[in-house]
PDB file of N, CA and C in Angstrom:
ATOM      1  N   MET A   1      -9.114   0.218  14.624  1.00  0.00           N
ATOM      2  CA  MET A   1      -8.854   1.638  14.704  1.00  0.00           C
ATOM      3  C   MET A   1      -9.037   2.238  13.327  1.00  0.00           C
ATOM      4  N   ASN A   2      -9.860   3.254  13.223  1.00  0.00           N
ATOM      5  CA  ASN A   2     -10.117   3.900  11.947  1.00  0.00           C
ATOM      6  C   ASN A   2      -9.595   5.325  12.016  1.00  0.00           C
ATOM      7  N   VAL A   3      -8.584   5.607  11.246  1.00  0.00           N
ATOM      8  CA  VAL A   3      -7.989   6.932  11.215  1.00  0.00           C
ATOM      9  C   VAL A   3      -8.625   7.707  10.078  1.00  0.00           C
ATOM     10  N   LYS A   4      -9.173   8.865  10.374  1.00  0.00           N
ATOM     11  CA  LYS A   4      -9.814   9.670   9.341  1.00  0.00           C
ATOM     12  C   LYS A   4      -8.951  10.877   9.034  1.00  0.00           C
ATOM     13  N   LYS A   5      -8.777  11.130   7.772  1.00  0.00           N
ATOM     14  CA  LYS A   5      -8.020  12.293   7.334  1.00  0.00           C
ATOM     15  C   LYS A   5      -8.992  13.219   6.618  1.00  0.00           C
ATOM     16  N   LEU A   6      -9.110  14.427   7.125  1.00  0.00           N
ATOM     17  CA  LEU A   6     -10.000  15.390   6.507  1.00  0.00           C
ATOM     18  C   LEU A   6      -9.187  16.314   5.610  1.00  0.00           C
ATOM     19  N   THR A   7      -9.675  16.520   4.422  1.00  0.00           N
ATOM     20  CA  THR A   7      -9.007  17.389   3.474  1.00  0.00           C
ATOM     21  C   THR A   7      -9.909  18.580   3.197  1.00  0.00           C
ATOM     22  N   TYR A   8      -9.354  19.760   3.265  1.00  0.00           N
ATOM     23  CA  TYR A   8     -10.107  20.978   3.025  1.00  0.00           C
ATOM     24  C   TYR A   8      -9.673  21.588   1.698  1.00  0.00           C
ATOM     25  N   PHE A   9     -10.634  21.976   0.902  1.00  0.00           N
ATOM     26  CA  PHE A   9     -10.378  22.672  -0.345  1.00  0.00           C
ATOM     27  C   PHE A   9     -11.051  24.033  -0.239  1.00  0.00           C
ATOM     28  N   GLU A  10     -10.332  25.073  -0.557  1.00  0.00           N
ATOM     29  CA  GLU A  10     -10.896  26.414  -0.499  1.00  0.00           C
ATOM     30  C   GLU A  10     -10.881  27.014  -1.902  1.00  0.00           C
ATOM     31  N   PHE A  11     -12.023  27.526  -2.328  1.00  0.00           N
ATOM     32  CA  PHE A  11     -12.158  28.141  -3.634  1.00  0.00           C
ATOM     33  C   PHE A  11     -12.515  29.607  -3.447  1.00  0.00           C
ATOM     34  N   THR A  12     -11.842  30.451  -4.160  1.00  0.00           N
ATOM     35  CA  THR A  12     -12.185  31.864  -4.179  1.00  0.00           C
ATOM     36  C   THR A  12     -12.854  32.152  -5.515  1.00  0.00           C
ATOM     37  N   MET A  13     -14.019  32.762  -5.467  1.00  0.00           N
ATOM     38  CA  MET A  13     -14.774  33.006  -6.692  1.00  0.00           C
ATOM     39  C   MET A  13     -14.694  34.479  -7.073  1.00  0.00           C
ATOM     40  N   HIS A  14     -14.386  34.755  -8.323  1.00  0.00           N
ATOM     41  CA  HIS A  14     -14.302  36.103  -8.867  1.00  0.00           C
ATOM     42  C   HIS A  14     -15.144  36.168 -10.130  1.00  0.00           C
ATOM     43  N   ARG A  15     -15.584  37.370 -10.463  1.00  0.00           N
ATOM     44  CA  ARG A  15     -16.217  37.593 -11.759  1.00  0.00           C
ATOM     45  C   ARG A  15     -15.128  37.638 -12.812  1.00  0.00           C
ATOM     46  N   ASP A  16     -15.422  37.114 -13.972  1.00  0.00           N
ATOM     47  CA  ASP A  16     -14.422  37.122 -15.044  1.00  0.00           C
ATOM     48  C   ASP A  16     -14.113  38.528 -15.542  1.00  0.00           C
ATOM     49  N   SER A  17     -15.117  39.342 -15.616  1.00  0.00           N
ATOM     50  CA  SER A  17     -14.925  40.638 -16.270  1.00  0.00           C
ATOM     51  C   SER A  17     -14.086  41.615 -15.450  1.00  0.00           C
ATOM     52  N   ASP A  18     -14.381  41.753 -14.161  1.00  0.00           N
ATOM     53  CA  ASP A  18     -13.675  42.785 -13.393  1.00  0.00           C
ATOM     54  C   ASP A  18     -12.907  42.232 -12.195  1.00  0.00           C
ATOM     55  N   GLU A  19     -12.835  40.919 -12.085  1.00  0.00           N
ATOM     56  CA  GLU A  19     -12.100  40.262 -10.992  1.00  0.00           C
ATOM     57  C   GLU A  19     -12.621  40.652  -9.609  1.00  0.00           C
ATOM     58  N   SER A  20     -13.876  41.079  -9.513  1.00  0.00           N
ATOM     59  CA  SER A  20     -14.405  41.422  -8.196  1.00  0.00           C
ATOM     60  C   SER A  20     -14.697  40.144  -7.412  1.00  0.00           C
ATOM     61  N   PHE A  21     -14.513  40.248  -6.114  1.00  0.00           N
ATOM     62  CA  PHE A  21     -14.648  39.112  -5.216  1.00  0.00           C
ATOM     63  C   PHE A  21     -16.112  38.734  -5.043  1.00  0.00           C
ATOM     64  N   LEU A  22     -16.434  37.448  -5.253  1.00  0.00           N
ATOM     65  CA  LEU A  22     -17.805  36.957  -5.087  1.00  0.00           C
ATOM     66  C   LEU A  22     -17.991  36.180  -3.786  1.00  0.00           C
ATOM     67  N   GLY A  23     -16.956  35.523  -3.302  1.00  0.00           N
ATOM     68  CA  GLY A  23     -17.082  34.759  -2.071  1.00  0.00           C
ATOM     69  C   GLY A  23     -16.151  33.557  -2.074  1.00  0.00           C
ATOM     70  N   ARG A  24     -16.200  32.809  -1.006  1.00  0.00           N
ATOM     71  CA  ARG A  24     -15.377  31.612  -0.865  1.00  0.00           C
ATOM     72  C   ARG A  24     -16.259  30.426  -0.562  1.00  0.00           C
ATOM     73  N   LYS A  25     -15.802  29.288  -1.013  1.00  0.00           N
ATOM     74  CA  LYS A  25     -16.511  28.052  -0.714  1.00  0.00           C
ATOM     75  C   LYS A  25     -15.489  27.056  -0.186  1.00  0.00           C
ATOM     76  N   ILE A  26     -15.775  26.460   0.953  1.00  0.00           N
ATOM     77  CA  ILE A  26     -14.876  25.464   1.539  1.00  0.00           C
ATOM     78  C   ILE A  26     -15.554  24.108   1.454  1.00  0.00           C
ATOM     79  N   ILE A  27     -14.842  23.160   0.903  1.00  0.00           N
ATOM     80  CA  ILE A  27     -15.357  21.804   0.773  1.00  0.00           C
ATOM     81  C   ILE A  27     -14.482  20.896   1.628  1.00  0.00           C
ATOM     82  N   MET A  28     -15.122  20.063   2.421  1.00  0.00           N
ATOM     83  CA  MET A  28     -14.381  19.137   3.269  1.00  0.00           C
ATOM     84  C   MET A  28     -14.661  17.719   2.780  1.00  0.00           C
ATOM     85  N   SER A  29     -13.609  16.954   2.580  1.00  0.00           N
ATOM     86  CA  SER A  29     -13.794  15.559   2.185  1.00  0.00           C
ATOM     87  C   SER A  29     -13.055  14.661   3.163  1.00  0.00           C
ATOM     88  N   GLU A  30     -13.543  13.461   3.308  1.00  0.00           N
ATOM     89  CA  GLU A  30     -12.961  12.499   4.237  1.00  0.00           C
ATOM     90  C   GLU A  30     -12.200  11.454   3.458  1.00  0.00           C
ATOM     91  N   ASP A  31     -10.947  11.234   3.835  1.00  0.00           N
ATOM     92  CA  ASP A  31     -10.110  10.240   3.181  1.00  0.00           C
ATOM     93  C   ASP A  31     -10.148   8.975   4.027  1.00  0.00           C
ATOM     94  N   LYS A  32     -10.819   7.934   3.524  1.00  0.00           N
ATOM     95  CA  LYS A  32     -10.983   6.701   4.292  1.00  0.00           C
ATOM     96  C   LYS A  32      -9.879   5.680   4.026  1.00  0.00           C
ATOM     97  N   ARG A  33      -8.882   6.058   3.243  1.00  0.00           N
ATOM     98  CA  ARG A  33      -7.826   5.115   2.905  1.00  0.00           C
ATOM     99  C   ARG A  33      -6.819   4.933   4.034  1.00  0.00           C
ATOM    100  N   ASN A  34      -6.789   5.837   4.979  1.00  0.00           N
ATOM    101  CA  ASN A  34      -5.793   5.786   6.037  1.00  0.00           C
ATOM    102  C   ASN A  34      -6.317   5.016   7.239  1.00  0.00           C
ATOM    103  N   THR A  35      -6.452   3.725   7.105  1.00  0.00           N
ATOM    104  CA  THR A  35      -6.913   2.907   8.209  1.00  0.00           C
ATOM    105  C   THR A  35      -5.756   2.054   8.714  1.00  0.00           C
ATOM    106  N   ALA A  36      -5.955   1.433   9.864  1.00  0.00           N
ATOM    107  CA  ALA A  36      -4.907   0.575  10.416  1.00  0.00           C
ATOM    108  C   ALA A  36      -4.611  -0.589   9.475  1.00  0.00           C
ATOM    109  N   GLY A  37      -5.659  -1.136   8.844  1.00  0.00           N
ATOM    110  CA  GLY A  37      -5.467  -2.229   7.896  1.00  0.00           C
ATOM    111  C   GLY A  37      -4.624  -1.810   6.713  1.00  0.00           C
ATOM    112  N   ASP A  38      -4.855  -0.588   6.234  1.00  0.00           N
ATOM    113  CA  ASP A  38      -4.048  -0.093   5.122  1.00  0.00           C
ATOM    114  C   ASP A  38      -2.594   0.087   5.534  1.00  0.00           C
ATOM    115  N   LEU A  39      -2.375   0.490   6.782  1.00  0.00           N
ATOM    116  CA  LEU A  39      -1.014   0.636   7.283  1.00  0.00           C
ATOM    117  C   LEU A  39      -0.288  -0.707   7.241  1.00  0.00           C
ATOM    118  N   VAL A  40      -0.952  -1.764   7.675  1.00  0.00           N
ATOM    119  CA  VAL A  40      -0.347  -3.099   7.667  1.00  0.00           C
ATOM    120  C   VAL A  40      -0.081  -3.543   6.229  1.00  0.00           C
ATOM    121  N   LYS A  41      -1.071  -3.323   5.341  1.00  0.00           N
ATOM    122  CA  LYS A  41      -0.900  -3.719   3.943  1.00  0.00           C
ATOM    123  C   LYS A  41       0.244  -2.959   3.279  1.00  0.00           C
ATOM    124  N   ASN A  42       0.304  -1.640   3.513  1.00  0.00           N
ATOM    125  CA  ASN A  42       1.359  -0.847   2.898  1.00  0.00           C
ATOM    126  C   ASN A  42       2.736  -1.224   3.420  1.00  0.00           C
ATOM    127  N   THR A  43       2.827  -1.506   4.714  1.00  0.00           N
ATOM    128  CA  THR A  43       4.094  -1.930   5.290  1.00  0.00           C
ATOM    129  C   THR A  43       4.526  -3.270   4.708  1.00  0.00           C
ATOM    130  N   SER A  44       3.577  -4.183   4.558  1.00  0.00           N
ATOM    131  CA  SER A  44       3.871  -5.483   3.959  1.00  0.00           C
ATOM    132  C   SER A  44       4.336  -5.336   2.514  1.00  0.00           C
ATOM    133  N   LYS A  45       3.670  -4.456   1.786  1.00  0.00           N
ATOM    134  CA  LYS A  45       4.039  -4.219   0.382  1.00  0.00           C
ATOM    135  C   LYS A  45       5.454  -3.653   0.283  1.00  0.00           C
ATOM    136  N   GLN A  46       5.764  -2.671   1.127  1.00  0.00           N
ATOM    137  CA  GLN A  46       7.096  -2.070   1.098  1.00  0.00           C
ATOM    138  C   GLN A  46       8.170  -3.069   1.506  1.00  0.00           C
ATOM    139  N   ALA A  47       7.877  -3.905   2.494  1.00  0.00           N
ATOM    140  CA  ALA A  47       8.841  -4.926   2.913  1.00  0.00           C
ATOM    141  C   ALA A  47       9.072  -5.935   1.791  1.00  0.00           C
ATOM    142  N   SER A  48       7.989  -6.312   1.103  1.00  0.00           N
ATOM    143  CA  SER A  48       8.103  -7.250  -0.016  1.00  0.00           C
ATOM    144  C   SER A  48       8.933  -6.650  -1.150  1.00  0.00           C
ATOM    145  N   GLU A  49       8.680  -5.380  -1.469  1.00  0.00           N
ATOM    146  CA  GLU A  49       9.447  -4.716  -2.526  1.00  0.00           C
ATOM    147  C   GLU A  49      10.921  -4.606  -2.148  1.00  0.00           C
ATOM    148  N   LEU A  50      11.204  -4.288  -0.884  1.00  0.00           N
ATOM    149  CA  LEU A  50      12.588  -4.201  -0.422  1.00  0.00           C
ATOM    150  C   LEU A  50      13.289  -5.549  -0.543  1.00  0.00           C
ATOM    151  N   LEU A  51      12.601  -6.600  -0.141  1.00  0.00           N
ATOM    152  CA  LEU A  51      13.189  -7.937  -0.234  1.00  0.00           C
ATOM    153  C   LEU A  51      13.435  -8.329  -1.691  1.00  0.00           C
ATOM    154  N   ASN A  52      12.486  -7.996  -2.571  1.00  0.00           N
ATOM    155  CA  ASN A  52      12.656  -8.295  -3.995  1.00  0.00           C
ATOM    156  C   ASN A  52      13.855  -7.558  -4.582  1.00  0.00           C
ATOM    157  N   LYS A  53      13.995  -6.285  -4.243  1.00  0.00           N
ATOM    158  CA  LYS A  53      15.124  -5.498  -4.757  1.00  0.00           C
ATOM    159  C   LYS A  53      16.448  -6.008  -4.196  1.00  0.00           C
ATOM    160  N   THR A  54      16.439  -6.410  -2.932  1.00  0.00           N
ATOM    161  CA  THR A  54      17.645  -6.957  -2.312  1.00  0.00           C
ATOM    162  C   THR A  54      18.044  -8.263  -2.989  1.00  0.00           C
ATOM    163  N   ALA A  55      17.067  -9.120  -3.273  1.00  0.00           N
ATOM    164  CA  ALA A  55      17.355 -10.384  -3.956  1.00  0.00           C
ATOM    165  C   ALA A  55      17.908 -10.126  -5.359  1.00  0.00           C
ATOM    166  N   ASP A  56      17.337  -9.166  -6.073  1.00  0.00           N
ATOM    167  CA  ASP A  56      17.829  -8.823  -7.410  1.00  0.00           C
ATOM    168  C   ASP A  56      19.255  -8.295  -7.359  1.00  0.00           C
ATOM    169  N   THR A  57      19.532  -7.428  -6.382  1.00  0.00           N
ATOM    170  CA  THR A  57      20.872  -6.856  -6.240  1.00  0.00           C
ATOM    171  C   THR A  57      21.895  -7.938  -5.911  1.00  0.00           C
ATOM    172  N   ALA A  58      21.541  -8.814  -4.974  1.00  0.00           N
ATOM    173  CA  ALA A  58      22.451  -9.905  -4.616  1.00  0.00           C
ATOM    174  C   ALA A  58      22.697 -10.816  -5.816  1.00  0.00           C
ATOM    175  N   ASN A  59      21.649 -11.083  -6.583  1.00  0.00           N
ATOM    176  CA  ASN A  59      21.760 -11.922  -7.772  1.00  0.00           C
ATOM    177  C   ASN A  59      22.714 -11.285  -8.792  1.00  0.00           C
ATOM    178  N   GLU A  60      22.579  -9.979  -9.003  1.00  0.00           N
ATOM    179  CA  GLU A  60      23.458  -9.278  -9.947  1.00  0.00           C
ATOM    180  C   GLU A  60      24.907  -9.307  -9.480  1.00  0.00           C
ATOM    181  N   ILE A  61      25.128  -9.137  -8.185  1.00  0.00           N
ATOM    182  CA  ILE A  61      26.496  -9.182  -7.646  1.00  0.00           C
ATOM    183  C   ILE A  61      27.099 -10.557  -7.867  1.00  0.00           C
ATOM    184  N   ILE A  62      26.340 -11.591  -7.581  1.00  0.00           N
ATOM    185  CA  ILE A  62      26.845 -12.961  -7.764  1.00  0.00           C
ATOM    186  C   ILE A  62      27.162 -13.217  -9.226  1.00  0.00           C
ATOM    187  N   LYS A  63      26.292 -12.767 -10.131  1.00  0.00           N
ATOM    188  CA  LYS A  63      26.532 -12.965 -11.565  1.00  0.00           C
ATOM    189  C   LYS A  63      27.751 -12.190 -12.054  1.00  0.00           C
ATOM    190  N   ASN A  64      27.962 -10.998 -11.522  1.00  0.00           N
ATOM    191  CA  ASN A  64      29.123 -10.214 -11.923  1.00  0.00           C
ATOM    192  C   ASN A  64      30.414 -10.873 -11.466  1.00  0.00           C
ATOM    193  N   VAL A  65      30.397 -11.509 -10.324  1.00  0.00           N
ATOM    194  CA  VAL A  65      31.592 -12.159  -9.801  1.00  0.00           C
ATOM    195  C   VAL A  65      31.822 -13.505 -10.484  1.00  0.00           C
ATOM    196  N   SER A  66      30.770 -14.299 -10.639  1.00  0.00           N
ATOM    197  CA  SER A  66      30.943 -15.667 -11.138  1.00  0.00           C
ATOM    198  C   SER A  66      30.758 -15.800 -12.642  1.00  0.00           C
ATOM    199  N   GLY A  67      30.132 -14.835 -13.264  1.00  0.00           N
ATOM    200  CA  GLY A  67      29.857 -14.940 -14.691  1.00  0.00           C
ATOM    201  C   GLY A  67      28.388 -15.208 -14.933  1.00  0.00           C
ATOM    202  N   GLU A  68      27.903 -14.761 -16.091  1.00  0.00           N
ATOM    203  CA  GLU A  68      26.467 -14.831 -16.400  1.00  0.00           C
ATOM    204  C   GLU A  68      25.956 -16.247 -16.640  1.00  0.00           C
ATOM    205  N   GLY A  69      26.629 -17.013 -17.456  1.00  0.00           N
ATOM    206  CA  GLY A  69      26.050 -18.268 -17.928  1.00  0.00           C
ATOM    207  C   GLY A  69      26.407 -19.501 -17.133  1.00  0.00           C
ATOM    208  N   GLY A  70      27.148 -19.363 -16.072  1.00  0.00           N
ATOM    209  CA  GLY A  70      27.605 -20.535 -15.343  1.00  0.00           C
ATOM    210  C   GLY A  70      26.552 -21.128 -14.419  1.00  0.00           C
ATOM    211  N   LEU A  71      26.942 -22.255 -13.826  1.00  0.00           N
ATOM    212  CA  LEU A  71      26.056 -22.955 -12.905  1.00  0.00           C
ATOM    213  C   LEU A  71      25.715 -22.101 -11.692  1.00  0.00           C
ATOM    214  N   VAL A  72      26.695 -21.368 -11.187  1.00  0.00           N
ATOM    215  CA  VAL A  72      26.462 -20.514 -10.020  1.00  0.00           C
ATOM    216  C   VAL A  72      25.431 -19.433 -10.355  1.00  0.00           C
ATOM    217  N   GLY A  73      25.503 -18.874 -11.560  1.00  0.00           N
ATOM    218  CA  GLY A  73      24.544 -17.860 -11.984  1.00  0.00           C
ATOM    219  C   GLY A  73      23.138 -18.419 -12.069  1.00  0.00           C
ATOM    220  N   LYS A  74      23.010 -19.630 -12.576  1.00  0.00           N
ATOM    221  CA  LYS A  74      21.688 -20.255 -12.701  1.00  0.00           C
ATOM    222  C   LYS A  74      21.104 -20.581 -11.316  1.00  0.00           C
ATOM    223  N   VAL A  75      21.934 -21.060 -10.421  1.00  0.00           N
ATOM    224  CA  VAL A  75      21.483 -21.338  -9.054  1.00  0.00           C
ATOM    225  C   VAL A  75      21.065 -20.033  -8.372  1.00  0.00           C
ATOM    226  N   SER A  76      21.832 -18.987  -8.621  1.00  0.00           N
ATOM    227  CA  SER A  76      21.515 -17.687  -8.050  1.00  0.00           C
ATOM    228  C   SER A  76      20.169 -17.172  -8.578  1.00  0.00           C
ATOM    229  N   ASP A  77      19.925 -17.362  -9.883  1.00  0.00           N
ATOM    230  CA  ASP A  77      18.635 -16.968 -10.461  1.00  0.00           C
ATOM    231  C   ASP A  77      17.484 -17.712  -9.794  1.00  0.00           C
ATOM    232  N   THR A  78      17.654 -19.004  -9.637  1.00  0.00           N
ATOM    233  CA  THR A  78      16.612 -19.828  -9.030  1.00  0.00           C
ATOM    234  C   THR A  78      16.357 -19.413  -7.585  1.00  0.00           C
ATOM    235  N   SER A  79      17.419 -19.177  -6.847  1.00  0.00           N
ATOM    236  CA  SER A  79      17.284 -18.762  -5.444  1.00  0.00           C
ATOM    237  C   SER A  79      16.596 -17.410  -5.346  1.00  0.00           C
ATOM    238  N   SER A  80      16.984 -16.493  -6.217  1.00  0.00           N
ATOM    239  CA  SER A  80      16.375 -15.161  -6.223  1.00  0.00           C
ATOM    240  C   SER A  80      14.884 -15.248  -6.538  1.00  0.00           C
ATOM    241  N   ASP A  81      14.525 -16.054  -7.528  1.00  0.00           N
ATOM    242  CA  ASP A  81      13.113 -16.231  -7.876  1.00  0.00           C
ATOM    243  C   ASP A  81      12.321 -16.834  -6.722  1.00  0.00           C
ATOM    244  N   LEU A  82      12.915 -17.807  -6.030  1.00  0.00           N
ATOM    245  CA  LEU A  82      12.259 -18.443  -4.899  1.00  0.00           C
ATOM    246  C   LEU A  82      11.995 -17.429  -3.784  1.00  0.00           C
ATOM    247  N   VAL A  83      13.016 -16.642  -3.461  1.00  0.00           N
ATOM    248  CA  VAL A  83      12.865 -15.638  -2.403  1.00  0.00           C
ATOM    249  C   VAL A  83      11.770 -14.637  -2.770  1.00  0.00           C
ATOM    250  N   LYS A  84      11.755 -14.184  -4.027  1.00  0.00           N
ATOM    251  CA  LYS A  84      10.751 -13.206  -4.458  1.00  0.00           C
ATOM    252  C   LYS A  84       9.348 -13.806  -4.454  1.00  0.00           C
ATOM    253  N   ASN A  85       9.210 -15.046  -4.869  1.00  0.00           N
ATOM    254  CA  ASN A  85       7.890 -15.691  -4.864  1.00  0.00           C
ATOM    255  C   ASN A  85       7.351 -15.868  -3.449  1.00  0.00           C
ATOM    256  N   VAL A  86       8.216 -16.267  -2.530  1.00  0.00           N
ATOM    257  CA  VAL A  86       7.797 -16.414  -1.132  1.00  0.00           C
ATOM    258  C   VAL A  86       7.397 -15.054  -0.560  1.00  0.00           C
ATOM    259  N   SER A  87       8.165 -14.029  -0.881  1.00  0.00           N
ATOM    260  CA  SER A  87       7.860 -12.678  -0.403  1.00  0.00           C
ATOM    261  C   SER A  87       6.518 -12.192  -0.953  1.00  0.00           C
ATOM    262  N   ASN A  88       6.288 -12.392  -2.233  1.00  0.00           N
ATOM    263  CA  ASN A  88       5.029 -11.956  -2.843  1.00  0.00           C
ATOM    264  C   ASN A  88       3.833 -12.732  -2.288  1.00  0.00           C
ATOM    265  N   THR A  89       4.018 -14.025  -2.058  1.00  0.00           N
ATOM    266  CA  THR A  89       2.954 -14.838  -1.470  1.00  0.00           C
ATOM    267  C   THR A  89       2.638 -14.357  -0.053  1.00  0.00           C
ATOM    268  N   GLY A  90       3.664 -14.056   0.714  1.00  0.00           N
ATOM    269  CA  GLY A  90       3.467 -13.539   2.066  1.00  0.00           C
ATOM    270  C   GLY A  90       2.712 -12.224   2.060  1.00  0.00           C
ATOM    271  N   HIS A  91       3.056 -11.366   1.117  1.00  0.00           N
ATOM    272  CA  HIS A  91       2.358 -10.074   1.002  1.00  0.00           C
ATOM    273  C   HIS A  91       0.879 -10.285   0.685  1.00  0.00           C
ATOM    274  N   LYS A  92       0.571 -11.214  -0.210  1.00  0.00           N
ATOM    275  CA  LYS A  92      -0.831 -11.493  -0.554  1.00  0.00           C
ATOM    276  C   LYS A  92      -1.592 -12.052   0.644  1.00  0.00           C
ATOM    277  N   VAL A  93      -0.940 -12.924   1.396  1.00  0.00           N
ATOM    278  CA  VAL A  93      -1.581 -13.518   2.579  1.00  0.00           C
ATOM    279  C   VAL A  93      -1.882 -12.444   3.617  1.00  0.00           C
ATOM    280  N   VAL A  94      -0.936 -11.536   3.831  1.00  0.00           N
ATOM    281  CA  VAL A  94      -1.158 -10.450   4.784  1.00  0.00           C
ATOM    282  C   VAL A  94      -2.355  -9.615   4.341  1.00  0.00           C
ATOM    283  N   GLY A  95      -2.422  -9.278   3.052  1.00  0.00           N
ATOM    284  CA  GLY A  95      -3.544  -8.489   2.540  1.00  0.00           C
ATOM    285  C   GLY A  95      -4.873  -9.177   2.749  1.00  0.00           C
ATOM    286  N   LYS A  96      -4.937 -10.470   2.455  1.00  0.00           N
ATOM    287  CA  LYS A  96      -6.196 -11.211   2.615  1.00  0.00           C
ATOM    288  C   LYS A  96      -6.570 -11.339   4.094  1.00  0.00           C
ATOM    289  N   THR A  97      -5.573 -11.534   4.944  1.00  0.00           N
ATOM    290  CA  THR A  97      -5.832 -11.648   6.377  1.00  0.00           C
ATOM    291  C   THR A  97      -6.381 -10.348   6.936  1.00  0.00           C
ATOM    292  N   VAL A  98      -5.793  -9.229   6.512  1.00  0.00           N
ATOM    293  CA  VAL A  98      -6.274  -7.920   6.979  1.00  0.00           C
ATOM    294  C   VAL A  98      -7.704  -7.692   6.503  1.00  0.00           C
ATOM    295  N   ASP A  99      -7.986  -8.012   5.250  1.00  0.00           N
ATOM    296  CA  ASP A  99      -9.345  -7.832   4.719  1.00  0.00           C
ATOM    297  C   ASP A  99     -10.358  -8.685   5.475  1.00  0.00           C
ATOM    298  N   THR A 100     -10.002  -9.944   5.715  1.00  0.00           N
ATOM    299  CA  THR A 100     -10.896 -10.856   6.425  1.00  0.00           C
ATOM    300  C   THR A 100     -11.137 -10.383   7.855  1.00  0.00           C
ATOM    301  N   ALA A 101     -10.074  -9.970   8.531  1.00  0.00           N
ATOM    302  CA  ALA A 101     -10.211  -9.492   9.909  1.00  0.00           C
ATOM    303  C   ALA A 101     -11.050  -8.218   9.959  1.00  0.00           C
ATOM    304  N   SER A 102     -10.844  -7.331   9.010  1.00  0.00           N
ATOM    305  CA  SER A 102     -11.620  -6.089   8.977  1.00  0.00           C
ATOM    306  C   SER A 102     -13.101  -6.367   8.771  1.00  0.00           C
ATOM    307  N   LYS A 103     -13.409  -7.294   7.877  1.00  0.00           N
ATOM    308  CA  LYS A 103     -14.813  -7.645   7.624  1.00  0.00           C
ATOM    309  C   LYS A 103     -15.438  -8.298   8.853  1.00  0.00           C
ATOM    310  N   ALA A 104     -14.679  -9.144   9.534  1.00  0.00           N
ATOM    311  CA  ALA A 104     -15.203  -9.812  10.726  1.00  0.00           C
ATOM    312  C   ALA A 104     -15.488  -8.800  11.830  1.00  0.00           C
ATOM    313  N   VAL A 105     -14.586  -7.867  12.034  1.00  0.00           N
ATOM    314  CA  VAL A 105     -14.782  -6.849  13.067  1.00  0.00           C
ATOM    315  C   VAL A 105     -15.970  -5.965  12.717  1.00  0.00           C
ATOM    316  N   LYS A 106     -16.068  -5.563  11.452  1.00  0.00           N
ATOM    317  CA  LYS A 106     -17.198  -4.726  11.033  1.00  0.00           C
ATOM    318  C   LYS A 106     -18.518  -5.469  11.203  1.00  0.00           C
ATOM    319  N   GLY A 107     -18.548  -6.751  10.828  1.00  0.00           N
ATOM    320  CA  GLY A 107     -19.771  -7.546  10.993  1.00  0.00           C
ATOM    321  C   GLY A 107     -20.168  -7.688  12.441  1.00  0.00           C
ATOM    322  N   ALA A 108     -19.201  -7.956  13.302  1.00  0.00           N
ATOM    323  CA  ALA A 108     -19.487  -8.097  14.727  1.00  0.00           C
ATOM    324  C   ALA A 108     -19.944  -6.773  15.320  1.00  0.00           C
ATOM    325  N   THR A 109     -19.312  -5.686  14.913  1.00  0.00           N
ATOM    326  CA  THR A 109     -19.698  -4.364  15.414  1.00  0.00           C
ATOM    327  C   THR A 109     -21.111  -4.011  14.978  1.00  0.00           C
ATOM    328  N   ASP A 110     -21.420  -4.285  13.711  1.00  0.00           N
ATOM    329  CA  ASP A 110     -22.768  -4.000  13.208  1.00  0.00           C
ATOM    330  C   ASP A 110     -23.830  -4.793  13.970  1.00  0.00           C
ATOM    331  N   LYS A 111     -23.549  -6.054  14.256  1.00  0.00           N
ATOM    332  CA  LYS A 111     -24.508  -6.877  14.982  1.00  0.00           C
ATOM    333  C   LYS A 111     -24.642  -6.434  16.433  1.00  0.00           C
ATOM    334  N   LEU A 112     -23.529  -6.057  17.020  1.00  0.00           N
ATOM    335  CA  LEU A 112     -23.525  -5.679  18.442  1.00  0.00           C
ATOM    336  C   LEU A 112     -24.213  -4.337  18.676  1.00  0.00           C
ATOM    337  N   PHE A 113     -23.968  -3.389  17.801  1.00  0.00           N
ATOM    338  CA  PHE A 113     -24.485  -2.043  18.009  1.00  0.00           C
ATOM    339  C   PHE A 113     -25.627  -1.701  17.043  1.00  0.00           C
ATOM    340  N   LYS A 114     -26.279  -2.704  16.529  1.00  0.00           N
ATOM    341  CA  LYS A 114     -27.375  -2.491  15.584  1.00  0.00           C
ATOM    342  C   LYS A 114     -28.546  -1.795  16.274  1.00  0.00           C
ATOM    343  N   LYS A 115     -29.060  -0.767  15.607  1.00  0.00           N
ATOM    344  CA  LYS A 115     -30.192  -0.032  16.175  1.00  0.00           C
ATOM    345  C   LYS A 115     -31.468  -0.836  16.006  1.00  0.00           C
ATOM    346  N   LYS A 116     -32.298  -0.816  17.030  1.00  0.00           N
ATOM    347  CA  LYS A 116     -33.550  -1.572  16.996  1.00  0.00           C
ATOM    348  C   LYS A 116     -34.703  -0.650  16.811  1.00  0.00           C
TER     349      LYS A 116
END
């Protein structure tokens, strides 16, 4: 599914000297960034960022309760890093999967509907 967003820009042209009206020009541009694949990637990115912030917050709470330099704090740091690394890896995998699937669909579509 390819969602197209059209953006319209309107310019009003005047003469510098007397501000008399010269005309209008409307320019239409197509924003190709709003595709289904981008939706999946952006959702994955936001979920990863939320998980990272949650892990950081939980880590800070544990450190405030147990103390900064203790064993519990170090274990909490390690656990937080592990959770964030897994989240970031998952986000990268989702991005690569979406890119690969998009290329495969585009290739198949081009071959199927190729003009002769």
